[in-house]
C-alpha atoms as a PDB file:
ATOM      1  CA  MET A   1      86.436  61.222 130.968  1.00  0.00           C
ATOM      2  CA  LYS A   2      88.242  65.271 130.268  1.00  0.00           C
ATOM      3  CA  SER A   3      91.337  66.253 130.781  1.00  0.00           C
ATOM      4  CA  LYS A   4      91.174  70.016 132.835  1.00  0.00           C
ATOM      5  CA  LYS A   5      93.018  72.574 130.688  1.00  0.00           C
ATOM      6  CA  SER A   6      95.660  74.610 132.411  1.00  0.00           C
ATOM      7  CA  ARG A   7      94.537  78.442 132.854  1.00  0.00           C
ATOM      8  CA  ILE A   8      97.105  79.666 130.127  1.00  0.00           C
ATOM      9  CA  ASP A   9      94.979  77.345 128.029  1.00  0.00           C
ATOM     10  CA  ARG A  10      91.374  78.179 128.897  1.00  0.00           C
ATOM     11  CA  CYS A  11      92.473  82.026 128.859  1.00  0.00           C
ATOM     12  CA  GLU A  12      93.953  81.028 125.229  1.00  0.00           C
ATOM     13  CA  LEU A  13      91.201  79.785 124.211  1.00  0.00           C
ATOM     14  CA  THR A  14      89.232  82.403 125.609  1.00  0.00           C
ATOM     15  CA  ASP A  15      90.514  84.945 123.282  1.00  0.00           C
ATOM     16  CA  HIS A  16      89.816  82.578 120.503  1.00  0.00           C
ATOM     17  CA  TYR A  17      85.996  83.026 121.344  1.00  0.00           C
ATOM     18  CA  GLU A  18      86.153  86.475 121.463  1.00  0.00           C
ATOM     19  CA  ALA A  19      87.651  86.709 118.503  1.00  0.00           C
ATOM     20  CA  ALA A  20      85.692  84.817 117.026  1.00  0.00           C
ATOM     21  CA  ILE A  21      82.616  86.855 118.289  1.00  0.00           C
ATOM     22  CA  MET A  22      84.221  90.281 117.577  1.00  0.00           C
ATOM     23  CA  HIS A  23      85.357  89.243 113.535  1.00  0.00           C
ATOM     24  CA  ARG A  24      82.069  87.174 113.152  1.00  0.00           C
ATOM     25  CA  ARG A  25      83.781  83.940 112.233  1.00  0.00           C
ATOM     26  CA  ARG A  26      82.086  80.574 112.228  1.00  0.00           C
ATOM     27  CA  LEU A  27      83.213  78.024 114.445  1.00  0.00           C
ATOM     28  CA  HIS A  28      83.095  74.159 114.090  1.00  0.00           C
ATOM     29  CA  VAL A  29      82.496  72.981 117.740  1.00  0.00           C
ATOM     30  CA  CYS A  30      82.304  69.410 119.493  1.00  0.00           C
ATOM     31  CA  TRP A  31      81.172  69.207 123.300  1.00  0.00           C
ATOM     32  CA  GLN A  32      79.578  66.884 125.356  1.00  0.00           C
ATOM     33  CA  ASP A  33      76.485  67.300 127.770  1.00  0.00           C
ATOM     34  CA  GLN A  34      73.988  65.766 129.569  1.00  0.00           C
ATOM     35  CA  GLN A  35      71.743  65.444 126.157  1.00  0.00           C
ATOM     36  CA  GLY A  36      75.061  63.555 124.893  1.00  0.00           C
ATOM     37  CA  GLU A  37      77.235  64.206 122.091  1.00  0.00           C
ATOM     38  CA  HIS A  38      76.955  67.489 119.675  1.00  0.00           C
ATOM     39  CA  GLU A  39      78.603  68.758 116.581  1.00  0.00           C
ATOM     40  CA  GLN A  40      78.006  71.254 114.934  1.00  0.00           C
ATOM     41  CA  CYS A  41      79.089  74.437 113.059  1.00  0.00           C
ATOM     42  CA  LEU A  42      78.537  77.376 114.846  1.00  0.00           C
ATOM     43  CA  LEU A  43      78.254  81.568 115.167  1.00  0.00           C
ATOM     44  CA  PRO A  44      79.616  82.724 118.430  1.00  0.00           C
ATOM     45  CA  THR A  45      77.652  85.604 120.060  1.00  0.00           C
ATOM     46  CA  ASP A  46      78.852  86.572 123.047  1.00  0.00           C
ATOM     47  CA  LEU A  47      80.868  84.502 126.364  1.00  0.00           C
ATOM     48  CA  CYS A  48      78.797  84.762 129.932  1.00  0.00           C
ATOM     49  CA  CYS A  49      79.942  84.062 133.337  1.00  0.00           C
ATOM     50  CA  ASP A  50      77.041  82.386 135.397  1.00  0.00           C
ATOM     51  CA  GLN A  51      77.599  80.839 139.046  1.00  0.00           C
ATOM     52  CA  GLY A  52      81.452  80.306 138.565  1.00  0.00           C
ATOM     53  CA  ARG A  53      80.789  79.057 135.131  1.00  0.00           C
ATOM     54  CA  ASP A  54      81.795  80.239 131.869  1.00  0.00           C
ATOM     55  CA  TYR A  55      79.972  79.858 128.523  1.00  0.00           C
ATOM     56  CA  LEU A  56      79.821  80.633 125.297  1.00  0.00           C
ATOM     57  CA  PHE A  57      76.686  81.668 123.515  1.00  0.00           C
ATOM     58  CA  ALA A  58      76.260  80.763 119.564  1.00  0.00           C
ATOM     59  CA  MET A  59      73.448  80.667 116.818  1.00  0.00           C
ATOM     60  CA  GLY A  60      73.426  76.799 115.505  1.00  0.00           C
ATOM     61  CA  ALA A  61      71.331  75.053 113.117  1.00  0.00           C
ATOM     62  CA  ALA A  62      68.493  76.798 112.136  1.00  0.00           C
ATOM     63  CA  ASP A  63      69.346  79.520 114.095  1.00  0.00           C
ATOM     64  CA  SER A  64      68.558  77.996 117.372  1.00  0.00           C
ATOM     65  CA  GLN A  65      70.547  79.748 119.988  1.00  0.00           C
ATOM     66  CA  LEU A  66      72.833  77.727 122.084  1.00  0.00           C
ATOM     67  CA  ARG A  67      74.473  78.343 125.714  1.00  0.00           C
ATOM     68  CA  ILE A  68      77.708  76.086 125.756  1.00  0.00           C
ATOM     69  CA  CYS A  69      79.262  75.461 129.025  1.00  0.00           C
ATOM     70  CA  LEU A  70      83.365  75.835 128.408  1.00  0.00           C
ATOM     71  CA  ASP A  71      83.831  72.932 130.282  1.00  0.00           C
ATOM     72  CA  ASP A  72      81.661  70.725 128.047  1.00  0.00           C
ATOM     73  CA  ILE A  73      83.682  71.957 124.956  1.00  0.00           C
ATOM     74  CA  THR A  74      86.281  69.156 123.620  1.00  0.00           C
ATOM     75  CA  GLN A  75      87.471  70.108 120.324  1.00  0.00           C
ATOM     76  CA  VAL A  76      86.714  73.759 118.411  1.00  0.00           C
ATOM     77  CA  ARG A  77      88.147  74.545 115.163  1.00  0.00           C
ATOM     78  CA  GLU A  78      87.738  76.840 112.412  1.00  0.00           C
ATOM     79  CA  PHE A  79      85.102  76.877 109.811  1.00  0.00           C
ATOM     80  CA  PRO A  80      85.503  76.135 107.457  1.00  0.00           C
ATOM     81  CA  LEU A  81      87.543  72.982 107.850  1.00  0.00           C
END
């Protein structure tokens, strides 16, 4: 079960994602969605809101394009670890 983040935590994380996008910094991201658990080193490219949910767009392995709901992210760290 995922814990709910406070609005302040969400804002801090959003700021972190925006800085990574602006400075082209890779992030090590773990998330869980309907397909299961995932863990990848990503290059964040954009943030957007769609139907009331916030999403991170990123380039993953083999230049795959990913769209990850911020609510699904369980851990994020700077890369390299």
